[in-house]
Amino acid sequence: MLKAGRKTLVRDGRRLQGMAFLVSVEDESETFDSEFERMVHGIYDWYEQYRTKCGELCLGFVAPETEHENIIAYCLALVENAESLLPLFRQLREVNIFFVPPEGGEAKEITLQIEDGTQFEDHLAA
């Protein structure tokens, strides 16, 4: 299942748009790949609509800790390979990734710092 939410934020006196997605797999008709693809289409739609007003992107995943590394790899591949989104990622300079345990509990956050549009740095915030 894919959930999405948008918010308006003010940064440096400008009204910008923030976008958050939450990806979870809840039944046999869904796969991680299909839900991730739906999220990517949502990112494209958001960027197409707001362009220079895009100010923050949060990607959330309901997943066990054993899957976190694979999900980070998917996110890095998206940032590195989606050439038409490269201007967006350069503009944002970071993407926040949240992991929510399927059984509930405290979420973990990782921030992908985007430097020069091609280099990535992981920061784990607990």
C-alpha atoms as a PDB file:
ATOM      1  CA  MET A   1       0.000   0.000   0.000  1.00  0.00           C
ATOM      2  CA  LEU A   2       1.197   3.484  -0.783  1.00  0.00           C
ATOM      3  CA  LYS A   3       0.138   6.491   1.249  1.00  0.00           C
ATOM      4  CA  ALA A   4       1.172  10.021   0.336  1.00  0.00           C
ATOM      5  CA  GLY A   5       0.863  13.403   1.988  1.00  0.00           C
ATOM      6  CA  ARG A   6       1.927  16.900   1.045  1.00  0.00           C
ATOM      7  CA  LYS A   7       2.624  19.910   3.245  1.00  0.00           C
ATOM      8  CA  THR A   8       3.582  23.518   2.719  1.00  0.00           C
ATOM      9  CA  LEU A   9       6.719  24.740   4.445  1.00  0.00           C
ATOM     10  CA  VAL A  10       8.497  28.075   4.570  1.00  0.00           C
ATOM     11  CA  ARG A  11      12.254  28.171   4.043  1.00  0.00           C
ATOM     12  CA  ASP A  12      14.278  31.351   3.484  1.00  0.00           C
ATOM     13  CA  GLY A  13      11.031  33.289   3.094  1.00  0.00           C
ATOM     14  CA  ARG A  14       9.785  31.018   0.282  1.00  0.00           C
ATOM     15  CA  ARG A  15       6.712  28.802   0.390  1.00  0.00           C
ATOM     16  CA  LEU A  16       7.815  25.324  -0.620  1.00  0.00           C
ATOM     17  CA  GLN A  17       6.133  21.946  -0.949  1.00  0.00           C
ATOM     18  CA  GLY A  18       7.132  18.949   1.114  1.00  0.00           C
ATOM     19  CA  MET A  19       6.080  15.440   0.156  1.00  0.00           C
ATOM     20  CA  ALA A  20       6.013  12.238   2.196  1.00  0.00           C
ATOM     21  CA  PHE A  21       5.331   8.678   1.088  1.00  0.00           C
ATOM     22  CA  LEU A  22       4.750   5.576   3.200  1.00  0.00           C
ATOM     23  CA  VAL A  23       5.237   2.190   1.516  1.00  0.00           C
ATOM     24  CA  SER A  24       4.011  -1.064   2.993  1.00  0.00           C
ATOM     25  CA  VAL A  25       3.126  -4.478   1.604  1.00  0.00           C
ATOM     26  CA  GLU A  26      -0.131  -5.663   3.120  1.00  0.00           C
ATOM     27  CA  ASP A  27      -1.452  -8.504   0.955  1.00  0.00           C
ATOM     28  CA  GLU A  28      -0.526 -10.940  -1.822  1.00  0.00           C
ATOM     29  CA  SER A  29      -1.632  -8.542  -4.565  1.00  0.00           C
ATOM     30  CA  GLU A  30       1.197  -6.155  -3.583  1.00  0.00           C
ATOM     31  CA  THR A  31       4.950  -6.537  -3.826  1.00  0.00           C
ATOM     32  CA  PHE A  32       7.680  -4.218  -2.639  1.00  0.00           C
ATOM     33  CA  ASP A  33       8.690  -3.622  -6.273  1.00  0.00           C
ATOM     34  CA  SER A  34       5.162  -2.646  -7.344  1.00  0.00           C
ATOM     35  CA  GLU A  35       4.653  -0.297  -4.388  1.00  0.00           C
ATOM     36  CA  PHE A  36       8.114   1.260  -4.815  1.00  0.00           C
ATOM     37  CA  GLU A  37       7.308   1.863  -8.498  1.00  0.00           C
ATOM     38  CA  ARG A  38       4.029   3.549  -7.529  1.00  0.00           C
ATOM     39  CA  MET A  39       5.994   5.779  -5.134  1.00  0.00           C
ATOM     40  CA  VAL A  40       8.469   6.706  -7.874  1.00  0.00           C
ATOM     41  CA  HIS A  41       5.567   7.709 -10.138  1.00  0.00           C
ATOM     42  CA  GLY A  42       4.263   9.844  -7.270  1.00  0.00           C
ATOM     43  CA  ILE A  43       7.649  11.577  -6.972  1.00  0.00           C
ATOM     44  CA  TYR A  44       7.612  12.296 -10.722  1.00  0.00           C
ATOM     45  CA  ASP A  45       4.077  13.720 -10.476  1.00  0.00           C
ATOM     46  CA  TRP A  46       4.989  15.886  -7.473  1.00  0.00           C
ATOM     47  CA  TYR A  47       8.106  17.226  -9.202  1.00  0.00           C
ATOM     48  CA  GLU A  48       6.210  17.877 -12.436  1.00  0.00           C
ATOM     49  CA  GLN A  49       3.588  19.886 -10.570  1.00  0.00           C
ATOM     50  CA  TYR A  50       5.830  21.923  -8.237  1.00  0.00           C
ATOM     51  CA  ARG A  51       9.315  21.974  -9.835  1.00  0.00           C
ATOM     52  CA  THR A  52      11.326  24.708  -8.059  1.00  0.00           C
ATOM     53  CA  LYS A  53       8.877  24.751  -5.139  1.00  0.00           C
ATOM     54  CA  CYS A  54       9.811  21.210  -4.072  1.00  0.00           C
ATOM     55  CA  GLY A  55      11.507  21.624  -0.713  1.00  0.00           C
ATOM     56  CA  GLU A  56      11.466  18.348   1.221  1.00  0.00           C
ATOM     57  CA  LEU A  57      11.061  14.653   0.451  1.00  0.00           C
ATOM     58  CA  CYS A  58      10.464  11.926   3.031  1.00  0.00           C
ATOM     59  CA  LEU A  59      10.221   8.254   2.114  1.00  0.00           C
ATOM     60  CA  GLY A  60       8.820   5.911   4.733  1.00  0.00           C
ATOM     61  CA  PHE A  61       8.824   2.128   4.681  1.00  0.00           C
ATOM     62  CA  VAL A  62       7.073  -0.350   6.938  1.00  0.00           C
ATOM     63  CA  ALA A  63       9.697  -3.091   6.969  1.00  0.00           C
ATOM     64  CA  PRO A  64      11.654  -5.353   9.324  1.00  0.00           C
ATOM     65  CA  GLU A  65      15.224  -4.329  10.079  1.00  0.00           C
ATOM     66  CA  THR A  66      16.526  -7.209   7.944  1.00  0.00           C
ATOM     67  CA  GLU A  67      15.146  -5.380   4.851  1.00  0.00           C
ATOM     68  CA  HIS A  68      16.543  -1.903   5.580  1.00  0.00           C
ATOM     69  CA  GLU A  69      19.777  -2.392   3.619  1.00  0.00           C
ATOM     70  CA  ASN A  70      17.908  -3.554   0.515  1.00  0.00           C
ATOM     71  CA  ILE A  71      15.514  -0.618   0.722  1.00  0.00           C
ATOM     72  CA  ILE A  72      18.384   1.853   1.053  1.00  0.00           C
ATOM     73  CA  ALA A  73      19.917   0.274  -2.064  1.00  0.00           C
ATOM     74  CA  TYR A  74      16.622   0.826  -3.936  1.00  0.00           C
ATOM     75  CA  CYS A  75      16.570   4.473  -2.825  1.00  0.00           C
ATOM     76  CA  LEU A  76      20.201   5.044  -3.813  1.00  0.00           C
ATOM     77  CA  ALA A  77      19.541   3.467  -7.214  1.00  0.00           C
ATOM     78  CA  LEU A  78      16.579   5.810  -7.682  1.00  0.00           C
ATOM     79  CA  VAL A  79      18.651   8.883  -6.840  1.00  0.00           C
ATOM     80  CA  GLU A  80      21.607   7.767  -8.976  1.00  0.00           C
ATOM     81  CA  ASN A  81      19.700   6.486 -12.016  1.00  0.00           C
ATOM     82  CA  ALA A  82      16.558   8.580 -12.465  1.00  0.00           C
ATOM     83  CA  GLU A  83      18.182  11.200 -14.675  1.00  0.00           C
ATOM     84  CA  SER A  84      15.032  13.262 -15.123  1.00  0.00           C
ATOM     85  CA  LEU A  85      14.784  13.560 -11.317  1.00  0.00           C
ATOM     86  CA  LEU A  86      18.425  14.564 -10.858  1.00  0.00           C
ATOM     87  CA  PRO A  87      17.541  18.310 -10.825  1.00  0.00           C
ATOM     88  CA  LEU A  88      15.041  17.574  -8.042  1.00  0.00           C
ATOM     89  CA  PHE A  89      17.562  15.687  -5.914  1.00  0.00           C
ATOM     90  CA  ARG A  90      20.197  18.395  -6.428  1.00  0.00           C
ATOM     91  CA  GLN A  91      17.645  21.006  -5.420  1.00  0.00           C
ATOM     92  CA  LEU A  92      16.605  19.082  -2.270  1.00  0.00           C
ATOM     93  CA  ARG A  93      20.193  18.220  -1.277  1.00  0.00           C
ATOM     94  CA  GLU A  94      18.859  15.475   0.985  1.00  0.00           C
ATOM     95  CA  VAL A  95      16.170  12.814   1.169  1.00  0.00           C
ATOM     96  CA  ASN A  96      14.876  11.540   4.509  1.00  0.00           C
ATOM     97  CA  ILE A  97      14.161   7.822   4.760  1.00  0.00           C
ATOM     98  CA  PHE A  98      12.116   6.434   7.649  1.00  0.00           C
ATOM     99  CA  PHE A  99      11.738   2.822   8.687  1.00  0.00           C
ATOM    100  CA  VAL A 100       8.706   1.811  10.726  1.00  0.00           C
ATOM    101  CA  PRO A 101       8.772  -1.650  12.334  1.00  0.00           C
ATOM    102  CA  PRO A 102       5.819  -3.794  11.138  1.00  0.00           C
ATOM    103  CA  GLU A 103       4.950  -4.640  14.737  1.00  0.00           C
ATOM    104  CA  GLY A 104       4.976  -0.950  15.724  1.00  0.00           C
ATOM    105  CA  GLY A 105       7.503   0.891  17.818  1.00  0.00           C
ATOM    106  CA  GLU A 106       9.942   3.696  17.236  1.00  0.00           C
ATOM    107  CA  ALA A 107      10.816   4.655  13.670  1.00  0.00           C
ATOM    108  CA  LYS A 108      14.428   4.940  12.499  1.00  0.00           C
ATOM    109  CA  GLU A 109      15.555   7.720  10.184  1.00  0.00           C
ATOM    110  CA  ILE A 110      18.347   7.858   7.648  1.00  0.00           C
ATOM    111  CA  THR A 111      19.186  11.017   5.729  1.00  0.00           C
ATOM    112  CA  LEU A 112      20.758  10.694   2.294  1.00  0.00           C
ATOM    113  CA  GLN A 113      22.902  13.775   1.782  1.00  0.00           C
ATOM    114  CA  ILE A 114      23.247  14.566  -1.901  1.00  0.00           C
ATOM    115  CA  GLU A 115      26.480  16.303  -2.770  1.00  0.00           C
ATOM    116  CA  ASP A 116      27.208  17.539  -6.293  1.00  0.00           C
ATOM    117  CA  GLY A 117      24.213  15.497  -7.426  1.00  0.00           C
ATOM    118  CA  THR A 118      26.281  12.333  -7.597  1.00  0.00           C
ATOM    119  CA  GLN A 119      27.848  11.547  -4.219  1.00  0.00           C
ATOM    120  CA  PHE A 120      25.796  10.208  -1.337  1.00  0.00           C
ATOM    121  CA  GLU A 121      26.398  10.089   2.360  1.00  0.00           C
ATOM    122  CA  ASP A 122      24.306   8.169   4.883  1.00  0.00           C
ATOM    123  CA  HIS A 123      23.547   9.667   8.274  1.00  0.00           C
ATOM    124  CA  LEU A 124      21.740   7.516  10.811  1.00  0.00           C
ATOM    125  CA  ALA A 125      19.614   9.491  13.220  1.00  0.00           C
ATOM    126  CA  ALA A 126      18.169   7.423  16.031  1.00  0.00           C
END
